[in-house]
């Protein structure tokens, strides 16, 4: 089951999710909707504390299973403190990353497998899946080049992982899109910012009629 008005943006490093979330939120707000923008890991006070553990430090600081459990601990706080209350109020929620990132990063690229992540998703997320997930697709080398030009405050742990890790991520997101076409749409993130924003808005209008 999916929650109406809940949209997530996914993709590899440097895909432009933050920019596109801002633009999508502006368009929905212009239509008279209340919009909450948020992010993972993070999005709630406790989850932001866990975020620092995950996105900074040495690339190998966590065993993959530990890392996945930390992401889901942060997600539980995010859902309880931010996402569910906003949706219950009737607001739209747009999140920069959600459970698909854990499937791609830890399930595939770090080798945990889909079954482990799916069990955690069923336990923590349950019926609170997004109604629409926009996966911004970009060549990993281009994405990392873009990501390298932004200020990160040290939040570059995943960016520093090797190129094969990022290639595996891209394939994982493509597979998620193919396996769940009713929820997921692949967007070409190598186009211009305006072109990407237009493509996203077309999908939102067609699928959700905001």
C-alpha atoms as a PDB file:
ATOM      1  CA  UNK A   1       0.000   0.000   0.000  1.00  0.00           C
ATOM      2  CA  UNK A   2       1.206   3.528  -0.773  1.00  0.00           C
ATOM      3  CA  UNK A   3       0.537   6.816   0.980  1.00  0.00           C
ATOM      4  CA  UNK A   4      -1.062   9.481  -1.203  1.00  0.00           C
ATOM      5  CA  UNK A   5       0.879  12.745  -1.547  1.00  0.00           C
ATOM      6  CA  UNK A   6       4.161  11.047  -0.552  1.00  0.00           C
ATOM      7  CA  UNK A   7       6.882  11.458  -3.214  1.00  0.00           C
ATOM      8  CA  UNK A   8      10.496  10.351  -3.008  1.00  0.00           C
ATOM      9  CA  UNK A   9      13.479  11.203  -5.207  1.00  0.00           C
ATOM     10  CA  UNK A  10      16.245   8.647  -5.574  1.00  0.00           C
ATOM     11  CA  UNK A  11      19.466   8.216  -7.504  1.00  0.00           C
ATOM     12  CA  UNK A  12      23.224   8.135  -7.270  1.00  0.00           C
ATOM     13  CA  UNK A  13      25.550  10.842  -6.007  1.00  0.00           C
ATOM     14  CA  UNK A  14      25.376  14.165  -7.843  1.00  0.00           C
ATOM     15  CA  UNK A  15      22.068  13.424  -9.589  1.00  0.00           C
ATOM     16  CA  UNK A  16      20.560  16.757  -8.564  1.00  0.00           C
ATOM     17  CA  UNK A  17      17.873  15.533  -6.184  1.00  0.00           C
ATOM     18  CA  UNK A  18      18.026  18.497  -3.805  1.00  0.00           C
ATOM     19  CA  UNK A  19      17.585  21.019  -6.615  1.00  0.00           C
ATOM     20  CA  UNK A  20      14.685  19.123  -8.148  1.00  0.00           C
ATOM     21  CA  UNK A  21      12.959  18.692  -4.792  1.00  0.00           C
ATOM     22  CA  UNK A  22      13.079  22.436  -4.267  1.00  0.00           C
ATOM     23  CA  UNK A  23      11.626  23.089  -7.711  1.00  0.00           C
ATOM     24  CA  UNK A  24       8.893  20.497  -7.351  1.00  0.00           C
ATOM     25  CA  UNK A  25       7.941  21.852  -3.929  1.00  0.00           C
ATOM     26  CA  UNK A  26       7.701  25.362  -5.379  1.00  0.00           C
ATOM     27  CA  UNK A  27       5.316  24.178  -8.112  1.00  0.00           C
ATOM     28  CA  UNK A  28       3.110  22.294  -5.690  1.00  0.00           C
ATOM     29  CA  UNK A  29       3.068  25.273  -3.310  1.00  0.00           C
ATOM     30  CA  UNK A  30       2.044  27.522  -6.206  1.00  0.00           C
ATOM     31  CA  UNK A  31      -0.957  25.210  -6.691  1.00  0.00           C
ATOM     32  CA  UNK A  32      -2.000  25.927  -3.111  1.00  0.00           C
ATOM     33  CA  UNK A  33      -0.642  22.781  -1.449  1.00  0.00           C
ATOM     34  CA  UNK A  34       1.231  22.596   1.831  1.00  0.00           C
ATOM     35  CA  UNK A  35       4.521  20.810   1.208  1.00  0.00           C
ATOM     36  CA  UNK A  36       7.053  19.311   3.602  1.00  0.00           C
ATOM     37  CA  UNK A  37      10.514  18.666   2.126  1.00  0.00           C
ATOM     38  CA  UNK A  38      12.787  16.318   4.003  1.00  0.00           C
ATOM     39  CA  UNK A  39      15.745  13.979   3.564  1.00  0.00           C
ATOM     40  CA  UNK A  40      17.318  10.672   4.491  1.00  0.00           C
ATOM     41  CA  UNK A  41      19.219   9.780   6.436  1.00  0.00           C
ATOM     42  CA  UNK A  42      17.778  12.485   8.655  1.00  0.00           C
ATOM     43  CA  UNK A  43      14.571  14.434   8.562  1.00  0.00           C
ATOM     44  CA  UNK A  44      13.969  14.370  12.336  1.00  0.00           C
ATOM     45  CA  UNK A  45      16.185  15.369  15.292  1.00  0.00           C
ATOM     46  CA  UNK A  46      17.220  11.844  16.264  1.00  0.00           C
ATOM     47  CA  UNK A  47      17.601  10.792  12.650  1.00  0.00           C
ATOM     48  CA  UNK A  48      19.920  13.726  11.988  1.00  0.00           C
ATOM     49  CA  UNK A  49      22.207  12.487  14.768  1.00  0.00           C
ATOM     50  CA  UNK A  50      22.352   9.087  13.085  1.00  0.00           C
ATOM     51  CA  UNK A  51      22.982  10.793   9.727  1.00  0.00           C
ATOM     52  CA  UNK A  52      26.319  12.101  10.950  1.00  0.00           C
ATOM     53  CA  UNK A  53      27.393   8.547  11.751  1.00  0.00           C
ATOM     54  CA  UNK A  54      26.524   7.373   8.240  1.00  0.00           C
ATOM     55  CA  UNK A  55      27.687  10.101   5.882  1.00  0.00           C
ATOM     56  CA  UNK A  56      31.001  11.073   7.490  1.00  0.00           C
ATOM     57  CA  UNK A  57      34.183   9.204   8.374  1.00  0.00           C
ATOM     58  CA  UNK A  58      36.026   6.344   6.750  1.00  0.00           C
ATOM     59  CA  UNK A  59      34.261   4.439   3.986  1.00  0.00           C
ATOM     60  CA  UNK A  60      34.585   1.133   5.825  1.00  0.00           C
ATOM     61  CA  UNK A  61      33.616   2.328   9.286  1.00  0.00           C
ATOM     62  CA  UNK A  62      30.505   0.076   9.443  1.00  0.00           C
ATOM     63  CA  UNK A  63      29.790  -3.539   8.613  1.00  0.00           C
ATOM     64  CA  UNK A  64      27.053  -3.558   5.918  1.00  0.00           C
ATOM     65  CA  UNK A  65      24.402  -5.039   8.236  1.00  0.00           C
ATOM     66  CA  UNK A  66      25.176  -2.472  10.934  1.00  0.00           C
ATOM     67  CA  UNK A  67      24.915   0.264   8.336  1.00  0.00           C
ATOM     68  CA  UNK A  68      21.524  -0.948   7.115  1.00  0.00           C
ATOM     69  CA  UNK A  69      20.203  -1.130  10.680  1.00  0.00           C
ATOM     70  CA  UNK A  70      21.368   2.434  11.330  1.00  0.00           C
ATOM     71  CA  UNK A  71      19.526   3.618   8.230  1.00  0.00           C
ATOM     72  CA  UNK A  72      16.340   1.926   9.358  1.00  0.00           C
ATOM     73  CA  UNK A  73      16.689   3.295  12.884  1.00  0.00           C
ATOM     74  CA  UNK A  74      16.911   6.785  11.385  1.00  0.00           C
ATOM     75  CA  UNK A  75      13.966   5.963   9.103  1.00  0.00           C
ATOM     76  CA  UNK A  76      11.767   4.937  12.031  1.00  0.00           C
ATOM     77  CA  UNK A  77      12.358   8.340  13.636  1.00  0.00           C
ATOM     78  CA  UNK A  78      11.798  10.089  10.317  1.00  0.00           C
ATOM     79  CA  UNK A  79       8.477   8.344   9.777  1.00  0.00           C
ATOM     80  CA  UNK A  80       7.268   8.794  13.342  1.00  0.00           C
ATOM     81  CA  UNK A  81       8.294  12.416  13.801  1.00  0.00           C
ATOM     82  CA  UNK A  82       7.988  13.936  10.332  1.00  0.00           C
ATOM     83  CA  UNK A  83       6.477  11.905   7.495  1.00  0.00           C
ATOM     84  CA  UNK A  84       3.412  10.314   9.088  1.00  0.00           C
ATOM     85  CA  UNK A  85       2.300  13.469  10.953  1.00  0.00           C
ATOM     86  CA  UNK A  86       2.598  15.562   7.775  1.00  0.00           C
ATOM     87  CA  UNK A  87       0.641  13.068   5.666  1.00  0.00           C
ATOM     88  CA  UNK A  88      -2.009  12.762   8.370  1.00  0.00           C
ATOM     89  CA  UNK A  89      -2.433  16.562   8.239  1.00  0.00           C
ATOM     90  CA  UNK A  90      -3.009  16.328   4.488  1.00  0.00           C
ATOM     91  CA  UNK A  91       0.323  17.868   3.512  1.00  0.00           C
ATOM     92  CA  UNK A  92       2.441  16.678   0.599  1.00  0.00           C
ATOM     93  CA  UNK A  93       5.781  15.160   1.576  1.00  0.00           C
ATOM     94  CA  UNK A  94       8.814  15.079  -0.735  1.00  0.00           C
ATOM     95  CA  UNK A  95      11.819  13.171   0.588  1.00  0.00           C
ATOM     96  CA  UNK A  96      15.369  13.194  -0.713  1.00  0.00           C
ATOM     97  CA  UNK A  97      15.955   9.419  -0.503  1.00  0.00           C
ATOM     98  CA  UNK A  98      13.937   6.738   1.267  1.00  0.00           C
ATOM     99  CA  UNK A  99      13.925   2.953   1.462  1.00  0.00           C
ATOM    100  CA  UNK A 100      15.026   2.415  -2.167  1.00  0.00           C
ATOM    101  CA  UNK A 101      18.383   3.946  -1.315  1.00  0.00           C
ATOM    102  CA  UNK A 102      18.935   1.351   1.380  1.00  0.00           C
ATOM    103  CA  UNK A 103      18.060  -1.393  -1.081  1.00  0.00           C
ATOM    104  CA  UNK A 104      20.496   0.029  -3.649  1.00  0.00           C
ATOM    105  CA  UNK A 105      23.344   1.051  -1.337  1.00  0.00           C
ATOM    106  CA  UNK A 106      23.313  -1.681   1.296  1.00  0.00           C
ATOM    107  CA  UNK A 107      21.207  -4.392  -0.336  1.00  0.00           C
ATOM    108  CA  UNK A 108      23.002  -4.393  -3.690  1.00  0.00           C
ATOM    109  CA  UNK A 109      26.207  -2.330  -3.667  1.00  0.00           C
ATOM    110  CA  UNK A 110      27.253  -3.579  -0.212  1.00  0.00           C
ATOM    111  CA  UNK A 111      25.996  -7.093  -0.878  1.00  0.00           C
ATOM    112  CA  UNK A 112      23.421  -7.655   1.861  1.00  0.00           C
ATOM    113  CA  UNK A 113      20.815  -8.929  -0.582  1.00  0.00           C
ATOM    114  CA  UNK A 114      17.205  -7.969  -1.155  1.00  0.00           C
ATOM    115  CA  UNK A 115      15.643 -10.312   1.412  1.00  0.00           C
ATOM    116  CA  UNK A 116      17.286  -8.681   4.431  1.00  0.00           C
ATOM    117  CA  UNK A 117      16.330  -5.164   3.320  1.00  0.00           C
ATOM    118  CA  UNK A 118      12.790  -6.231   2.415  1.00  0.00           C
ATOM    119  CA  UNK A 119      12.243  -7.726   5.874  1.00  0.00           C
ATOM    120  CA  UNK A 120      13.378  -4.491   7.493  1.00  0.00           C
ATOM    121  CA  UNK A 121      11.197  -2.468   5.108  1.00  0.00           C
ATOM    122  CA  UNK A 122       8.149  -4.514   6.031  1.00  0.00           C
ATOM    123  CA  UNK A 123       8.881  -4.079   9.729  1.00  0.00           C
ATOM    124  CA  UNK A 124       9.670  -0.350   9.752  1.00  0.00           C
ATOM    125  CA  UNK A 125       7.878   1.157   6.749  1.00  0.00           C
ATOM    126  CA  UNK A 126       4.910  -1.177   6.383  1.00  0.00           C
ATOM    127  CA  UNK A 127       2.134   0.518   4.422  1.00  0.00           C
ATOM    128  CA  UNK A 128       3.845   3.928   4.434  1.00  0.00           C
ATOM    129  CA  UNK A 129       5.502   3.566   1.033  1.00  0.00           C
ATOM    130  CA  UNK A 130       5.569   6.553  -1.334  1.00  0.00           C
ATOM    131  CA  UNK A 131       2.930   6.742  -4.023  1.00  0.00           C
ATOM    132  CA  UNK A 132       5.558   7.976  -6.502  1.00  0.00           C
ATOM    133  CA  UNK A 133       9.327   7.552  -6.668  1.00  0.00           C
ATOM    134  CA  UNK A 134      11.336   9.543  -9.195  1.00  0.00           C
ATOM    135  CA  UNK A 135      14.726   7.956  -9.857  1.00  0.00           C
ATOM    136  CA  UNK A 136      17.219  10.445 -11.284  1.00  0.00           C
ATOM    137  CA  UNK A 137      19.538   8.473 -13.545  1.00  0.00           C
ATOM    138  CA  UNK A 138      23.053   9.730 -14.236  1.00  0.00           C
ATOM    139  CA  UNK A 139      26.370   8.261 -15.336  1.00  0.00           C
ATOM    140  CA  UNK A 140      28.313   7.667 -12.092  1.00  0.00           C
ATOM    141  CA  UNK A 141      31.460   9.447 -13.261  1.00  0.00           C
ATOM    142  CA  UNK A 142      29.489  12.554 -14.216  1.00  0.00           C
ATOM    143  CA  UNK A 143      27.506  12.417 -10.977  1.00  0.00           C
ATOM    144  CA  UNK A 144      30.634  12.157  -8.857  1.00  0.00           C
ATOM    145  CA  UNK A 145      32.191  15.056 -10.745  1.00  0.00           C
ATOM    146  CA  UNK A 146      29.113  17.173  -9.996  1.00  0.00           C
ATOM    147  CA  UNK A 147      29.048  16.051  -6.375  1.00  0.00           C
ATOM    148  CA  UNK A 148      32.720  16.915  -5.950  1.00  0.00           C
ATOM    149  CA  UNK A 149      32.007  20.556  -6.721  1.00  0.00           C
ATOM    150  CA  UNK A 150      29.581  21.129  -3.869  1.00  0.00           C
ATOM    151  CA  UNK A 151      30.201  21.969  -0.228  1.00  0.00           C
ATOM    152  CA  UNK A 152      29.534  18.846   1.824  1.00  0.00           C
ATOM    153  CA  UNK A 153      30.783  19.708   5.342  1.00  0.00           C
ATOM    154  CA  UNK A 154      32.523  16.347   5.305  1.00  0.00           C
ATOM    155  CA  UNK A 155      29.354  14.475   4.296  1.00  0.00           C
ATOM    156  CA  UNK A 156      31.079  12.639   1.481  1.00  0.00           C
ATOM    157  CA  UNK A 157      31.595   9.129   2.838  1.00  0.00           C
ATOM    158  CA  UNK A 158      29.567   7.459   0.081  1.00  0.00           C
ATOM    159  CA  UNK A 159      31.059   9.654  -2.624  1.00  0.00           C
ATOM    160  CA  UNK A 160      34.527   8.378  -1.651  1.00  0.00           C
ATOM    161  CA  UNK A 161      33.620   4.758  -2.311  1.00  0.00           C
ATOM    162  CA  UNK A 162      35.125   3.217  -5.439  1.00  0.00           C
ATOM    163  CA  UNK A 163      33.672   3.666  -8.923  1.00  0.00           C
ATOM    164  CA  UNK A 164      32.423   0.070  -9.142  1.00  0.00           C
ATOM    165  CA  UNK A 165      30.294   0.721  -6.058  1.00  0.00           C
ATOM    166  CA  UNK A 166      28.648   3.640  -7.866  1.00  0.00           C
ATOM    167  CA  UNK A 167      28.153   1.642 -11.060  1.00  0.00           C
ATOM    168  CA  UNK A 168      26.435  -1.054  -9.010  1.00  0.00           C
ATOM    169  CA  UNK A 169      24.227   1.628  -7.475  1.00  0.00           C
ATOM    170  CA  UNK A 170      23.100   2.835 -10.876  1.00  0.00           C
ATOM    171  CA  UNK A 171      22.196  -0.669 -11.971  1.00  0.00           C
ATOM    172  CA  UNK A 172      20.364  -1.278  -8.705  1.00  0.00           C
ATOM    173  CA  UNK A 173      18.202   1.813  -9.152  1.00  0.00           C
ATOM    174  CA  UNK A 174      17.463   0.853 -12.765  1.00  0.00           C
ATOM    175  CA  UNK A 175      16.332  -2.586 -11.588  1.00  0.00           C
ATOM    176  CA  UNK A 176      14.113  -1.087  -8.896  1.00  0.00           C
ATOM    177  CA  UNK A 177      12.483   1.091 -11.550  1.00  0.00           C
ATOM    178  CA  UNK A 178      11.871  -1.900 -13.829  1.00  0.00           C
ATOM    179  CA  UNK A 179      10.523  -4.078 -11.018  1.00  0.00           C
ATOM    180  CA  UNK A 180       8.072  -1.484  -9.658  1.00  0.00           C
ATOM    181  CA  UNK A 181       6.817   0.525 -12.657  1.00  0.00           C
ATOM    182  CA  UNK A 182       3.553   1.465 -10.941  1.00  0.00           C
ATOM    183  CA  UNK A 183       5.509   3.437  -8.354  1.00  0.00           C
ATOM    184  CA  UNK A 184       8.850   4.288  -9.948  1.00  0.00           C
ATOM    185  CA  UNK A 185       9.781   6.444 -12.939  1.00  0.00           C
ATOM    186  CA  UNK A 186      13.304   6.772 -14.306  1.00  0.00           C
ATOM    187  CA  UNK A 187      14.278  10.369 -15.167  1.00  0.00           C
ATOM    188  CA  UNK A 188      17.288  11.351 -17.305  1.00  0.00           C
ATOM    189  CA  UNK A 189      19.291  13.506 -14.898  1.00  0.00           C
ATOM    190  CA  UNK A 190      21.982  14.294 -17.468  1.00  0.00           C
ATOM    191  CA  UNK A 191      19.627  16.759 -19.161  1.00  0.00           C
ATOM    192  CA  UNK A 192      19.577  20.422 -18.145  1.00  0.00           C
ATOM    193  CA  UNK A 193      18.094  21.433 -14.802  1.00  0.00           C
ATOM    194  CA  UNK A 194      15.032  22.924 -16.530  1.00  0.00           C
ATOM    195  CA  UNK A 195      14.511  19.817 -18.679  1.00  0.00           C
ATOM    196  CA  UNK A 196      14.698  17.549 -15.648  1.00  0.00           C
ATOM    197  CA  UNK A 197      12.260  19.753 -13.737  1.00  0.00           C
ATOM    198  CA  UNK A 198       9.811  19.675 -16.662  1.00  0.00           C
ATOM    199  CA  UNK A 199      10.069  15.889 -16.958  1.00  0.00           C
ATOM    200  CA  UNK A 200       9.376  15.487 -13.253  1.00  0.00           C
ATOM    201  CA  UNK A 201       6.373  17.807 -13.352  1.00  0.00           C
ATOM    202  CA  UNK A 202       4.883  15.932 -16.318  1.00  0.00           C
ATOM    203  CA  UNK A 203       5.049  12.688 -14.361  1.00  0.00           C
ATOM    204  CA  UNK A 204       3.556  14.260 -11.223  1.00  0.00           C
ATOM    205  CA  UNK A 205       0.699  15.780 -13.221  1.00  0.00           C
ATOM    206  CA  UNK A 206      -0.018  12.572 -15.102  1.00  0.00           C
ATOM    207  CA  UNK A 207       0.078  10.282 -12.095  1.00  0.00           C
ATOM    208  CA  UNK A 208      -1.109  12.396  -9.203  1.00  0.00           C
ATOM    209  CA  UNK A 209      -3.113  15.290 -10.722  1.00  0.00           C
ATOM    210  CA  UNK A 210      -2.106  17.742  -7.979  1.00  0.00           C
END
